[in-house]
Protein backbone atom coordinates (compact mmCIF):
# COMPACT_ATOMS: atom_id res chain seq x y z
CA MET A 1 160.57 -141.31 -120.01
CA GLU A 2 158.17 -144.57 -120.28
CA THR A 3 159.19 -147.44 -118.06
CA GLN A 4 157.95 -151.01 -118.15
CA LYS A 5 158.64 -154.13 -115.71
CA ASP A 6 161.09 -156.54 -117.13
CA PRO A 7 158.75 -159.75 -116.64
CA VAL A 8 161.91 -162.06 -115.81
CA ARG A 9 163.82 -159.87 -112.73
CA GLY A 10 160.86 -157.38 -112.28
CA MET A 11 162.87 -154.37 -112.46
CA GLN A 12 161.66 -151.14 -113.95
CA VAL A 13 163.23 -150.66 -117.50
CA ALA A 14 163.12 -147.40 -119.73
CA GLU A 15 161.81 -148.36 -123.34
CA GLU A 16 164.22 -146.20 -124.81
CA THR A 17 167.52 -147.67 -123.26
CA ALA A 18 166.37 -151.40 -122.84
CA ALA A 19 168.51 -153.99 -123.52
CA GLY A 20 165.92 -155.68 -125.52
CA GLN A 21 162.56 -156.24 -126.37
CA SER A 22 160.23 -158.95 -127.31
CA GLU A 23 156.72 -159.14 -128.57
CA TYR A 24 154.41 -162.04 -127.31
CA LYS A 25 150.79 -162.36 -128.03
CA GLY A 26 150.62 -158.87 -129.36
CA LYS A 27 152.32 -157.27 -126.33
CA THR A 28 155.70 -155.97 -126.24
CA TYR A 29 158.12 -156.63 -123.41
CA TYR A 30 161.33 -154.96 -122.30
CA PHE A 31 164.50 -156.39 -120.70
CA CYS A 32 167.29 -154.92 -118.70
CA ASN A 33 169.81 -157.24 -120.20
CA PRO A 34 170.07 -159.82 -122.92
CA GLY A 35 170.03 -162.64 -120.44
CA CYS A 36 166.81 -161.76 -119.31
CA LYS A 37 165.46 -161.58 -123.02
CA SER A 38 166.84 -164.70 -123.75
CA LYS A 39 165.24 -166.44 -120.65
CA PHE A 40 161.86 -164.91 -121.98
CA ASP A 41 162.51 -165.83 -125.63
CA GLU A 42 162.94 -169.49 -124.30
CA SER A 43 159.81 -169.59 -122.29
CA PRO A 44 157.41 -166.61 -122.50
CA GLU A 45 154.40 -168.12 -120.85
CA ARG A 46 156.51 -169.11 -117.83
CA TYR A 47 157.06 -165.11 -117.22
CA THR A 48 153.66 -163.90 -118.60
CA GLY A 49 151.25 -166.15 -116.29
CA GLY A 50 150.55 -168.35 -118.72
CA SER A 51 150.93 -171.84 -117.99
CA GLU A 52 153.52 -174.06 -119.54
CA THR A 53 152.93 -177.17 -117.62
CA GLN A 54 152.33 -180.07 -119.81
CA SER A 55 150.12 -182.86 -118.37
CA ASP A 56 151.03 -186.57 -119.08
CA SER A 57 148.05 -187.96 -117.88
CA ALA A 58 145.95 -188.18 -120.94
């Protein structure tokens, strides 16, 4: 059984039994519960190492 790390909680999740999945920038992410999927969908860069910080110093 293939497992992946839930990017929100850091738990190992079996792909076959994951509570949800989302694709972001060509990669599929798996979640331990629907709440984690919702948090990820609202702000995927926060959980994938991307920068979501906006600078107002323009």
